[in-house]
Amino acid sequence: MNSLSPVEVAHRFIRSLIRKGDLCIDATVGNGHDTIFLAEQVGEKGKVLGFDVQSSAIESTRTALVKNQLAARVQLFELGHETLGAELSEEEKGCLKLVVFNLGYLPGSDKSVVTQSQSTQQALEQSLVNLQPDGAISLVAYRGHAGGNAECAAVEAWVDQLPADSYFCLRYERWTHQRGLTPVFFWIQRRDNDIA
């Protein structure tokens, strides 16, 4: 039996969490696959905000959303994920059900343009403070490129300092012969007892 990939595990967690009408963020739009997946999950009354610094990523995602008749559910920003908190309206602050990250580079594009540890940590902090009480962060860190292991280690250190009584945290990776190179999935979810 083959083990599930980190992305497959992430999608299982996401499906179990999201309900119609939810507000979600795709913090690293990339080729738009997760943006479309989220837009399908939140339904017609839900909303997805998508961020990416590369115009090619934004345009290909916009095209894919139109093709799938999901464009009305998504607002795209050609901005880094470290700005996501500033783009939330007053009504949206504290109401995020899910924030999704795929760290690394845009497949099929310039591999020198990668997410960076510092801006990723800023984005994670902004995500955390804007989660609703049962909201979550889903993050897949790709490590097969220059700087990928360092960014993954920085994410793990960030997750490690979160209080266990306030957040449920999980780390998953495949056990393969390519240890240290395969993607790692992180899930960070606010616990119900954190509700004020």
N, C-alpha and C. Protein backbone atom coordinates (compact mmCIF):
# COMPACT_ATOMS: atom_id res chain seq x y z
N MET A 1 0.84 -1.18 0.00
CA MET A 1 0.00 0.00 0.00
C MET A 1 0.88 1.25 0.00
N ASN A 2 0.61 2.18 -0.90
CA ASN A 2 1.38 3.41 -0.94
C ASN A 2 0.92 4.36 0.17
N SER A 3 1.87 5.08 0.76
CA SER A 3 1.50 6.08 1.75
C SER A 3 1.00 7.32 1.04
N LEU A 4 0.18 8.08 1.75
CA LEU A 4 -0.37 9.30 1.17
C LEU A 4 0.72 10.37 1.10
N SER A 5 0.67 11.17 0.05
CA SER A 5 1.60 12.28 -0.06
C SER A 5 1.18 13.36 0.94
N PRO A 6 2.10 14.26 1.31
CA PRO A 6 1.72 15.36 2.20
C PRO A 6 0.56 16.20 1.66
N VAL A 7 0.51 16.39 0.36
CA VAL A 7 -0.60 17.17 -0.23
C VAL A 7 -1.92 16.42 -0.08
N GLU A 8 -1.89 15.09 -0.28
CA GLU A 8 -3.12 14.31 -0.10
C GLU A 8 -3.60 14.36 1.34
N VAL A 9 -2.67 14.29 2.28
CA VAL A 9 -3.05 14.38 3.69
C VAL A 9 -3.62 15.77 3.99
N ALA A 10 -2.96 16.80 3.45
CA ALA A 10 -3.45 18.17 3.66
C ALA A 10 -4.87 18.31 3.16
N HIS A 11 -5.17 17.80 1.98
CA HIS A 11 -6.52 17.93 1.42
C HIS A 11 -7.55 17.18 2.26
N ARG A 12 -7.16 16.06 2.85
CA ARG A 12 -8.10 15.35 3.73
C ARG A 12 -8.44 16.18 4.97
N PHE A 13 -7.41 16.80 5.55
CA PHE A 13 -7.65 17.66 6.72
C PHE A 13 -8.53 18.86 6.31
N ILE A 14 -8.22 19.45 5.17
CA ILE A 14 -8.96 20.63 4.72
C ILE A 14 -10.43 20.29 4.48
N ARG A 15 -10.69 19.17 3.80
CA ARG A 15 -12.08 18.77 3.55
C ARG A 15 -12.85 18.57 4.85
N SER A 16 -12.16 18.06 5.88
CA SER A 16 -12.85 17.81 7.15
C SER A 16 -13.16 19.09 7.91
N LEU A 17 -12.47 20.18 7.58
CA LEU A 17 -12.62 21.43 8.32
C LEU A 17 -13.57 22.42 7.66
N ILE A 18 -13.43 22.61 6.36
CA ILE A 18 -14.13 23.70 5.68
C ILE A 18 -15.61 23.38 5.48
N ARG A 19 -16.42 24.43 5.69
CA ARG A 19 -17.86 24.35 5.45
C ARG A 19 -18.24 25.43 4.44
N LYS A 20 -19.40 25.25 3.82
CA LYS A 20 -19.89 26.25 2.87
C LYS A 20 -20.00 27.60 3.58
N GLY A 21 -19.55 28.64 2.90
CA GLY A 21 -19.65 29.98 3.45
C GLY A 21 -18.41 30.44 4.19
N ASP A 22 -17.41 29.56 4.32
CA ASP A 22 -16.20 29.93 5.07
C ASP A 22 -15.32 30.92 4.31
N LEU A 23 -14.46 31.60 5.08
CA LEU A 23 -13.46 32.51 4.53
C LEU A 23 -12.09 31.85 4.66
N CYS A 24 -11.38 31.73 3.52
CA CYS A 24 -10.08 31.05 3.52
C CYS A 24 -9.06 31.89 2.74
N ILE A 25 -7.81 31.59 2.98
CA ILE A 25 -6.72 32.24 2.23
C ILE A 25 -5.82 31.18 1.62
N ASP A 26 -5.47 31.36 0.35
CA ASP A 26 -4.37 30.63 -0.26
C ASP A 26 -3.20 31.60 -0.26
N ALA A 27 -2.27 31.41 0.67
CA ALA A 27 -1.18 32.38 0.86
C ALA A 27 -0.11 32.29 -0.21
N THR A 28 -0.09 31.20 -0.97
CA THR A 28 0.90 31.01 -2.02
C THR A 28 0.18 30.38 -3.22
N VAL A 29 -0.45 31.20 -4.01
CA VAL A 29 -1.33 30.72 -5.08
C VAL A 29 -0.63 29.76 -6.04
N GLY A 30 0.59 30.08 -6.46
CA GLY A 30 1.32 29.19 -7.38
C GLY A 30 0.56 28.94 -8.66
N ASN A 31 0.33 27.68 -8.97
CA ASN A 31 -0.38 27.35 -10.21
C ASN A 31 -1.89 27.32 -10.05
N GLY A 32 -2.39 27.63 -8.86
CA GLY A 32 -3.82 27.79 -8.65
C GLY A 32 -4.58 26.54 -8.25
N HIS A 33 -3.91 25.41 -8.15
CA HIS A 33 -4.63 24.17 -7.82
C HIS A 33 -5.32 24.26 -6.46
N ASP A 34 -4.60 24.76 -5.44
CA ASP A 34 -5.23 24.86 -4.11
C ASP A 34 -6.28 25.97 -4.08
N THR A 35 -6.08 27.02 -4.84
CA THR A 35 -7.08 28.09 -4.90
C THR A 35 -8.40 27.54 -5.41
N ILE A 36 -8.34 26.77 -6.48
CA ILE A 36 -9.55 26.15 -7.04
C ILE A 36 -10.16 25.18 -6.03
N PHE A 37 -9.32 24.36 -5.41
CA PHE A 37 -9.80 23.41 -4.41
C PHE A 37 -10.54 24.13 -3.28
N LEU A 38 -9.96 25.22 -2.78
CA LEU A 38 -10.60 25.98 -1.70
C LEU A 38 -11.90 26.62 -2.17
N ALA A 39 -11.90 27.18 -3.38
CA ALA A 39 -13.11 27.82 -3.90
C ALA A 39 -14.25 26.82 -4.04
N GLU A 40 -13.92 25.59 -4.40
CA GLU A 40 -14.95 24.54 -4.48
C GLU A 40 -15.50 24.21 -3.10
N GLN A 41 -14.62 24.17 -2.10
CA GLN A 41 -15.03 23.79 -0.75
C GLN A 41 -15.91 24.84 -0.08
N VAL A 42 -15.61 26.13 -0.29
CA VAL A 42 -16.36 27.18 0.43
C VAL A 42 -17.72 27.47 -0.19
N GLY A 43 -17.96 27.01 -1.41
CA GLY A 43 -19.26 27.20 -2.04
C GLY A 43 -19.51 28.63 -2.50
N GLU A 44 -20.73 28.86 -2.98
CA GLU A 44 -21.08 30.16 -3.55
C GLU A 44 -21.07 31.28 -2.52
N LYS A 45 -21.36 30.98 -1.27
CA LYS A 45 -21.41 32.03 -0.24
C LYS A 45 -20.06 32.22 0.48
N GLY A 46 -19.09 31.39 0.16
CA GLY A 46 -17.79 31.52 0.77
C GLY A 46 -16.87 32.41 -0.03
N LYS A 47 -15.66 32.61 0.50
CA LYS A 47 -14.72 33.51 -0.15
C LYS A 47 -13.29 33.01 0.08
N VAL A 48 -12.46 33.16 -0.96
CA VAL A 48 -11.04 32.81 -0.88
C VAL A 48 -10.23 34.02 -1.31
N LEU A 49 -9.23 34.35 -0.50
CA LEU A 49 -8.27 35.38 -0.88
C LEU A 49 -6.98 34.68 -1.29
N GLY A 50 -6.41 35.05 -2.44
CA GLY A 50 -5.21 34.39 -2.93
C GLY A 50 -4.07 35.38 -3.10
N PHE A 51 -2.85 34.98 -2.66
CA PHE A 51 -1.67 35.85 -2.72
C PHE A 51 -0.54 35.16 -3.46
N ASP A 52 0.16 35.94 -4.29
CA ASP A 52 1.41 35.46 -4.90
C ASP A 52 2.16 36.68 -5.43
N VAL A 53 3.49 36.64 -5.34
CA VAL A 53 4.30 37.76 -5.80
C VAL A 53 4.53 37.72 -7.31
N GLN A 54 4.26 36.58 -7.95
CA GLN A 54 4.55 36.45 -9.38
C GLN A 54 3.29 36.69 -10.21
N SER A 55 3.39 37.62 -11.15
CA SER A 55 2.23 37.94 -11.99
C SER A 55 1.80 36.74 -12.82
N SER A 56 2.77 35.90 -13.24
CA SER A 56 2.41 34.71 -14.02
C SER A 56 1.53 33.76 -13.21
N ALA A 57 1.80 33.65 -11.92
CA ALA A 57 0.98 32.80 -11.05
C ALA A 57 -0.42 33.36 -10.91
N ILE A 58 -0.51 34.67 -10.71
CA ILE A 58 -1.83 35.30 -10.57
C ILE A 58 -2.64 35.14 -11.86
N GLU A 59 -2.00 35.36 -12.99
CA GLU A 59 -2.73 35.28 -14.26
C GLU A 59 -3.17 33.85 -14.58
N SER A 60 -2.29 32.87 -14.36
CA SER A 60 -2.70 31.49 -14.65
C SER A 60 -3.80 31.03 -13.70
N THR A 61 -3.74 31.50 -12.46
CA THR A 61 -4.80 31.15 -11.51
C THR A 61 -6.11 31.80 -11.91
N ARG A 62 -6.04 33.07 -12.31
CA ARG A 62 -7.25 33.77 -12.74
C ARG A 62 -7.90 33.04 -13.93
N THR A 63 -7.08 32.63 -14.88
CA THR A 63 -7.59 31.91 -16.06
C THR A 63 -8.25 30.60 -15.64
N ALA A 64 -7.59 29.87 -14.73
CA ALA A 64 -8.14 28.59 -14.28
C ALA A 64 -9.45 28.78 -13.51
N LEU A 65 -9.54 29.85 -12.73
CA LEU A 65 -10.77 30.12 -11.99
C LEU A 65 -11.92 30.43 -12.93
N VAL A 66 -11.65 31.22 -13.95
CA VAL A 66 -12.70 31.54 -14.94
C VAL A 66 -13.14 30.26 -15.65
N LYS A 67 -12.18 29.46 -16.08
CA LYS A 67 -12.49 28.20 -16.78
C LYS A 67 -13.37 27.29 -15.92
N ASN A 68 -13.15 27.30 -14.61
CA ASN A 68 -13.92 26.45 -13.69
C ASN A 68 -15.13 27.17 -13.08
N GLN A 69 -15.42 28.36 -13.58
CA GLN A 69 -16.57 29.15 -13.12
C GLN A 69 -16.53 29.39 -11.60
N LEU A 70 -15.32 29.70 -11.09
CA LEU A 70 -15.15 29.94 -9.67
C LEU A 70 -14.60 31.33 -9.37
N ALA A 71 -14.44 32.15 -10.38
CA ALA A 71 -13.78 33.45 -10.21
C ALA A 71 -14.53 34.35 -9.23
N ALA A 72 -15.84 34.24 -9.16
CA ALA A 72 -16.62 35.12 -8.28
C ALA A 72 -16.36 34.85 -6.80
N ARG A 73 -15.78 33.70 -6.49
CA ARG A 73 -15.54 33.33 -5.09
C ARG A 73 -14.14 33.71 -4.61
N VAL A 74 -13.31 34.22 -5.51
CA VAL A 74 -11.89 34.42 -5.19
C VAL A 74 -11.47 35.85 -5.48
N GLN A 75 -10.67 36.42 -4.57
CA GLN A 75 -10.04 37.72 -4.77
C GLN A 75 -8.54 37.50 -4.77
N LEU A 76 -7.87 37.86 -5.87
CA LEU A 76 -6.44 37.62 -6.01
C LEU A 76 -5.64 38.89 -5.76
N PHE A 77 -4.47 38.73 -5.10
CA PHE A 77 -3.57 39.85 -4.80
C PHE A 77 -2.18 39.50 -5.30
N GLU A 78 -1.61 40.36 -6.13
CA GLU A 78 -0.22 40.17 -6.56
C GLU A 78 0.68 40.78 -5.49
N LEU A 79 0.71 40.12 -4.37
CA LEU A 79 1.45 40.59 -3.19
C LEU A 79 2.04 39.39 -2.47
N GLY A 80 3.08 39.63 -1.68
CA GLY A 80 3.64 38.58 -0.86
C GLY A 80 2.70 38.18 0.26
N HIS A 81 2.85 36.93 0.72
CA HIS A 81 1.94 36.44 1.77
C HIS A 81 2.12 37.19 3.09
N GLU A 82 3.25 37.88 3.27
CA GLU A 82 3.46 38.62 4.51
C GLU A 82 2.55 39.84 4.61
N THR A 83 1.80 40.15 3.55
CA THR A 83 0.88 41.28 3.57
C THR A 83 -0.57 40.85 3.82
N LEU A 84 -0.81 39.58 4.00
CA LEU A 84 -2.20 39.11 4.03
C LEU A 84 -3.03 39.76 5.13
N GLY A 85 -2.44 40.03 6.28
CA GLY A 85 -3.21 40.64 7.36
C GLY A 85 -3.70 42.03 7.00
N ALA A 86 -2.89 42.77 6.25
CA ALA A 86 -3.26 44.14 5.87
C ALA A 86 -4.37 44.17 4.84
N GLU A 87 -4.58 43.08 4.12
CA GLU A 87 -5.62 43.05 3.09
C GLU A 87 -6.97 42.59 3.61
N LEU A 88 -7.03 42.17 4.87
CA LEU A 88 -8.31 41.75 5.44
C LEU A 88 -9.13 42.98 5.81
N SER A 89 -10.41 42.93 5.51
CA SER A 89 -11.30 44.00 5.94
C SER A 89 -11.54 43.87 7.44
N GLU A 90 -12.11 44.89 8.06
CA GLU A 90 -12.40 44.82 9.49
C GLU A 90 -13.33 43.65 9.81
N GLU A 91 -14.28 43.37 8.90
CA GLU A 91 -15.22 42.27 9.11
C GLU A 91 -14.55 40.91 8.97
N GLU A 92 -13.46 40.86 8.21
CA GLU A 92 -12.78 39.58 7.96
C GLU A 92 -11.75 39.23 9.03
N LYS A 93 -11.29 40.23 9.77
CA LYS A 93 -10.26 39.97 10.79
C LYS A 93 -10.82 39.05 11.88
N GLY A 94 -10.06 38.02 12.19
CA GLY A 94 -10.47 37.05 13.21
C GLY A 94 -11.49 36.04 12.70
N CYS A 95 -11.75 36.04 11.41
CA CYS A 95 -12.79 35.15 10.84
C CYS A 95 -12.25 34.12 9.86
N LEU A 96 -10.94 33.95 9.78
CA LEU A 96 -10.38 32.99 8.82
C LEU A 96 -10.59 31.56 9.30
N LYS A 97 -11.16 30.75 8.45
CA LYS A 97 -11.31 29.33 8.78
C LYS A 97 -10.03 28.56 8.46
N LEU A 98 -9.36 28.97 7.39
CA LEU A 98 -8.16 28.23 6.98
C LEU A 98 -7.23 29.14 6.18
N VAL A 99 -5.94 28.96 6.42
CA VAL A 99 -4.91 29.59 5.59
C VAL A 99 -4.01 28.47 5.08
N VAL A 100 -3.80 28.43 3.76
CA VAL A 100 -3.02 27.37 3.12
C VAL A 100 -1.71 27.95 2.58
N PHE A 101 -0.61 27.25 2.87
CA PHE A 101 0.71 27.62 2.36
C PHE A 101 1.31 26.43 1.62
N ASN A 102 1.91 26.67 0.49
CA ASN A 102 2.79 25.72 -0.18
C ASN A 102 4.11 26.45 -0.39
N LEU A 103 5.12 26.10 0.39
CA LEU A 103 6.38 26.83 0.36
C LEU A 103 7.33 26.25 -0.68
N GLY A 104 8.11 27.12 -1.28
CA GLY A 104 9.07 26.69 -2.29
C GLY A 104 9.00 27.61 -3.49
N TYR A 105 9.01 27.02 -4.69
CA TYR A 105 8.97 27.82 -5.92
C TYR A 105 7.79 27.40 -6.78
N LEU A 106 7.46 28.26 -7.73
CA LEU A 106 6.36 27.99 -8.65
C LEU A 106 6.78 26.92 -9.65
N PRO A 107 6.13 25.76 -9.66
CA PRO A 107 6.51 24.71 -10.61
C PRO A 107 6.48 25.21 -12.06
N GLY A 108 7.51 24.88 -12.79
CA GLY A 108 7.58 25.29 -14.19
C GLY A 108 8.05 26.71 -14.38
N SER A 109 8.51 27.34 -13.30
CA SER A 109 8.91 28.74 -13.38
C SER A 109 10.36 28.89 -12.90
N ASP A 110 10.75 30.11 -12.65
CA ASP A 110 12.10 30.43 -12.18
C ASP A 110 12.32 29.87 -10.78
N LYS A 111 13.21 28.88 -10.64
CA LYS A 111 13.43 28.24 -9.34
C LYS A 111 14.21 29.12 -8.37
N SER A 112 14.68 30.26 -8.85
CA SER A 112 15.38 31.16 -7.93
C SER A 112 14.40 32.05 -7.16
N VAL A 113 13.14 32.08 -7.60
CA VAL A 113 12.11 32.83 -6.90
C VAL A 113 11.41 31.87 -5.95
N VAL A 114 11.76 31.95 -4.68
CA VAL A 114 11.24 31.02 -3.68
C VAL A 114 10.69 31.80 -2.50
N THR A 115 9.86 31.13 -1.73
CA THR A 115 9.40 31.74 -0.48
C THR A 115 10.58 31.83 0.48
N GLN A 116 10.52 32.79 1.39
CA GLN A 116 11.62 33.06 2.31
C GLN A 116 11.16 32.88 3.75
N SER A 117 12.05 32.39 4.59
CA SER A 117 11.71 32.11 5.99
C SER A 117 11.13 33.31 6.72
N GLN A 118 11.75 34.48 6.54
CA GLN A 118 11.32 35.65 7.30
C GLN A 118 9.90 36.09 6.92
N SER A 119 9.63 36.18 5.61
CA SER A 119 8.28 36.60 5.19
C SER A 119 7.26 35.51 5.49
N THR A 120 7.67 34.26 5.43
CA THR A 120 6.75 33.16 5.78
C THR A 120 6.37 33.24 7.25
N GLN A 121 7.34 33.51 8.12
CA GLN A 121 7.02 33.62 9.54
C GLN A 121 6.08 34.80 9.80
N GLN A 122 6.31 35.92 9.10
CA GLN A 122 5.40 37.06 9.24
C GLN A 122 3.98 36.67 8.83
N ALA A 123 3.87 35.94 7.72
CA ALA A 123 2.56 35.51 7.23
C ALA A 123 1.91 34.53 8.20
N LEU A 124 2.69 33.64 8.79
CA LEU A 124 2.14 32.70 9.76
C LEU A 124 1.61 33.44 10.99
N GLU A 125 2.36 34.43 11.47
CA GLU A 125 1.91 35.21 12.64
C GLU A 125 0.59 35.93 12.33
N GLN A 126 0.51 36.54 11.14
CA GLN A 126 -0.71 37.25 10.76
C GLN A 126 -1.88 36.28 10.60
N SER A 127 -1.58 35.09 10.09
CA SER A 127 -2.63 34.08 9.94
C SER A 127 -3.16 33.66 11.30
N LEU A 128 -2.23 33.39 12.20
CA LEU A 128 -2.61 32.88 13.52
C LEU A 128 -3.56 33.84 14.26
N VAL A 129 -3.24 35.13 14.23
CA VAL A 129 -4.07 36.09 14.97
C VAL A 129 -5.42 36.34 14.30
N ASN A 130 -5.55 35.91 13.05
CA ASN A 130 -6.81 36.15 12.34
C ASN A 130 -7.65 34.89 12.15
N LEU A 131 -7.23 33.77 12.80
CA LEU A 131 -8.03 32.55 12.72
C LEU A 131 -9.27 32.67 13.60
N GLN A 132 -10.38 32.10 13.16
CA GLN A 132 -11.52 31.98 14.04
C GLN A 132 -11.23 30.86 15.05
N PRO A 133 -12.02 30.70 16.10
CA PRO A 133 -11.67 29.79 17.19
C PRO A 133 -11.33 28.35 16.77
N ASP A 134 -11.94 27.81 15.73
CA ASP A 134 -11.57 26.45 15.30
C ASP A 134 -10.80 26.49 13.98
N GLY A 135 -10.27 27.64 13.62
CA GLY A 135 -9.56 27.79 12.36
C GLY A 135 -8.20 27.11 12.37
N ALA A 136 -7.63 26.95 11.16
CA ALA A 136 -6.38 26.19 11.04
C ALA A 136 -5.48 26.77 9.95
N ILE A 137 -4.23 26.37 10.05
CA ILE A 137 -3.22 26.66 9.03
C ILE A 137 -2.75 25.32 8.47
N SER A 138 -2.76 25.20 7.15
CA SER A 138 -2.23 24.03 6.47
C SER A 138 -1.00 24.47 5.70
N LEU A 139 0.12 23.79 5.92
CA LEU A 139 1.36 24.23 5.29
C LEU A 139 2.13 23.01 4.77
N VAL A 140 2.52 23.06 3.50
CA VAL A 140 3.40 22.04 2.93
C VAL A 140 4.71 22.73 2.56
N ALA A 141 5.80 22.27 3.18
CA ALA A 141 7.13 22.83 2.93
C ALA A 141 7.89 21.89 2.00
N TYR A 142 8.25 22.39 0.82
CA TYR A 142 9.05 21.62 -0.13
C TYR A 142 10.53 21.89 0.17
N ARG A 143 11.33 20.81 0.24
CA ARG A 143 12.70 20.95 0.71
C ARG A 143 13.75 20.64 -0.36
N GLY A 144 13.32 20.31 -1.58
CA GLY A 144 14.26 19.86 -2.60
C GLY A 144 14.97 20.96 -3.37
N HIS A 145 14.92 22.19 -2.90
CA HIS A 145 15.59 23.30 -3.57
C HIS A 145 16.47 24.03 -2.56
N ALA A 146 17.34 24.89 -3.07
CA ALA A 146 18.23 25.65 -2.20
C ALA A 146 17.42 26.47 -1.20
N GLY A 147 17.71 26.30 0.07
CA GLY A 147 17.00 27.04 1.11
C GLY A 147 15.75 26.35 1.62
N GLY A 148 15.32 25.29 0.95
CA GLY A 148 14.08 24.61 1.34
C GLY A 148 14.16 23.98 2.72
N ASN A 149 15.28 23.32 3.03
CA ASN A 149 15.43 22.71 4.36
C ASN A 149 15.46 23.76 5.46
N ALA A 150 16.12 24.88 5.19
CA ALA A 150 16.22 25.94 6.21
C ALA A 150 14.84 26.54 6.48
N GLU A 151 14.06 26.75 5.42
CA GLU A 151 12.72 27.31 5.62
C GLU A 151 11.83 26.32 6.37
N CYS A 152 11.93 25.04 6.03
CA CYS A 152 11.14 24.02 6.72
C CYS A 152 11.53 23.98 8.20
N ALA A 153 12.82 24.06 8.50
CA ALA A 153 13.28 24.05 9.89
C ALA A 153 12.76 25.27 10.64
N ALA A 154 12.71 26.41 9.97
CA ALA A 154 12.20 27.63 10.61
C ALA A 154 10.71 27.48 10.92
N VAL A 155 9.97 26.87 10.01
CA VAL A 155 8.54 26.64 10.26
C VAL A 155 8.38 25.71 11.46
N GLU A 156 9.16 24.64 11.48
CA GLU A 156 9.06 23.68 12.58
C GLU A 156 9.38 24.35 13.92
N ALA A 157 10.39 25.21 13.94
CA ALA A 157 10.72 25.93 15.17
C ALA A 157 9.58 26.85 15.59
N TRP A 158 8.95 27.48 14.60
CA TRP A 158 7.80 28.37 14.90
C TRP A 158 6.65 27.57 15.49
N VAL A 159 6.38 26.41 14.89
CA VAL A 159 5.29 25.56 15.38
C VAL A 159 5.60 25.07 16.80
N ASP A 160 6.86 24.71 17.04
CA ASP A 160 7.26 24.18 18.35
C ASP A 160 7.02 25.15 19.49
N GLN A 161 7.04 26.45 19.22
CA GLN A 161 6.88 27.41 20.32
C GLN A 161 5.41 27.75 20.61
N LEU A 162 4.50 27.19 19.81
CA LEU A 162 3.08 27.46 20.07
C LEU A 162 2.62 26.69 21.30
N PRO A 163 1.79 27.29 22.17
CA PRO A 163 1.34 26.60 23.38
C PRO A 163 0.42 25.41 23.03
N ALA A 164 0.76 24.25 23.55
CA ALA A 164 0.04 23.02 23.23
C ALA A 164 -1.40 23.04 23.72
N ASP A 165 -1.69 23.83 24.75
CA ASP A 165 -3.06 23.87 25.24
C ASP A 165 -3.96 24.78 24.39
N SER A 166 -3.37 25.52 23.49
CA SER A 166 -4.15 26.42 22.63
C SER A 166 -4.19 25.97 21.17
N TYR A 167 -3.22 25.12 20.76
CA TYR A 167 -3.13 24.71 19.36
C TYR A 167 -2.85 23.22 19.23
N PHE A 168 -3.59 22.57 18.34
CA PHE A 168 -3.28 21.20 17.96
C PHE A 168 -2.33 21.28 16.76
N CYS A 169 -1.16 20.67 16.87
CA CYS A 169 -0.17 20.75 15.79
C CYS A 169 0.25 19.35 15.37
N LEU A 170 0.42 19.19 14.05
CA LEU A 170 0.81 17.90 13.49
C LEU A 170 1.87 18.10 12.43
N ARG A 171 2.82 17.17 12.35
CA ARG A 171 3.85 17.19 11.32
C ARG A 171 3.83 15.84 10.63
N TYR A 172 3.82 15.81 9.28
CA TYR A 172 3.76 14.55 8.54
C TYR A 172 4.71 14.61 7.36
N GLU A 173 5.48 13.53 7.18
CA GLU A 173 6.27 13.38 5.97
C GLU A 173 6.38 11.89 5.65
N ARG A 174 6.60 11.58 4.38
CA ARG A 174 6.79 10.19 3.99
C ARG A 174 8.16 9.70 4.45
N TRP A 175 8.21 8.45 4.84
CA TRP A 175 9.46 7.82 5.24
C TRP A 175 10.02 7.15 4.00
N THR A 176 10.95 7.80 3.30
CA THR A 176 11.46 7.27 2.04
C THR A 176 12.98 7.27 2.04
N HIS A 177 13.56 6.79 0.94
CA HIS A 177 15.01 6.79 0.79
C HIS A 177 15.55 8.20 0.55
N GLN A 178 14.66 9.17 0.29
CA GLN A 178 15.07 10.55 0.06
C GLN A 178 14.87 11.40 1.31
N ARG A 179 15.21 10.85 2.45
CA ARG A 179 14.98 11.57 3.71
C ARG A 179 15.65 12.94 3.66
N GLY A 180 14.91 13.93 4.15
CA GLY A 180 15.42 15.29 4.15
C GLY A 180 15.13 16.06 2.89
N LEU A 181 14.57 15.39 1.88
CA LEU A 181 14.27 16.07 0.62
C LEU A 181 12.78 16.10 0.30
N THR A 182 12.02 15.22 0.92
CA THR A 182 10.60 15.14 0.60
C THR A 182 9.82 16.26 1.29
N PRO A 183 8.63 16.61 0.76
CA PRO A 183 7.82 17.66 1.39
C PRO A 183 7.35 17.25 2.79
N VAL A 184 7.11 18.26 3.61
CA VAL A 184 6.60 18.06 4.96
C VAL A 184 5.30 18.84 5.11
N PHE A 185 4.29 18.17 5.67
CA PHE A 185 3.00 18.81 5.91
C PHE A 185 2.89 19.18 7.39
N PHE A 186 2.47 20.42 7.64
CA PHE A 186 2.19 20.89 9.00
C PHE A 186 0.71 21.30 9.08
N TRP A 187 0.07 20.95 10.18
CA TRP A 187 -1.31 21.38 10.45
C TRP A 187 -1.33 22.03 11.82
N ILE A 188 -1.80 23.26 11.89
CA ILE A 188 -1.87 24.01 13.14
C ILE A 188 -3.32 24.46 13.30
N GLN A 189 -4.00 24.00 14.33
CA GLN A 189 -5.42 24.33 14.51
C GLN A 189 -5.69 24.84 15.91
N ARG A 190 -6.42 25.94 15.99
CA ARG A 190 -6.80 26.47 17.30
C ARG A 190 -7.71 25.47 17.99
N ARG A 191 -7.50 25.30 19.26
CA ARG A 191 -8.35 24.39 20.03
C ARG A 191 -9.61 25.11 20.47
N ASP A 192 -10.68 24.34 20.63
CA ASP A 192 -11.96 24.91 21.05
C ASP A 192 -11.86 25.62 22.38
N ASN A 193 -10.97 25.13 23.29
CA ASN A 193 -10.88 25.77 24.60
C ASN A 193 -10.22 27.14 24.54
N ASP A 194 -9.81 27.55 23.31
CA ASP A 194 -9.24 28.87 23.13
C ASP A 194 -10.32 29.92 22.88
N ILE A 195 -11.59 29.45 22.77
CA ILE A 195 -12.68 30.39 22.51
C ILE A 195 -12.87 31.28 23.72
N ALA A 196 -12.86 32.58 23.49
CA ALA A 196 -12.99 33.55 24.59
C ALA A 196 -14.41 33.60 25.11
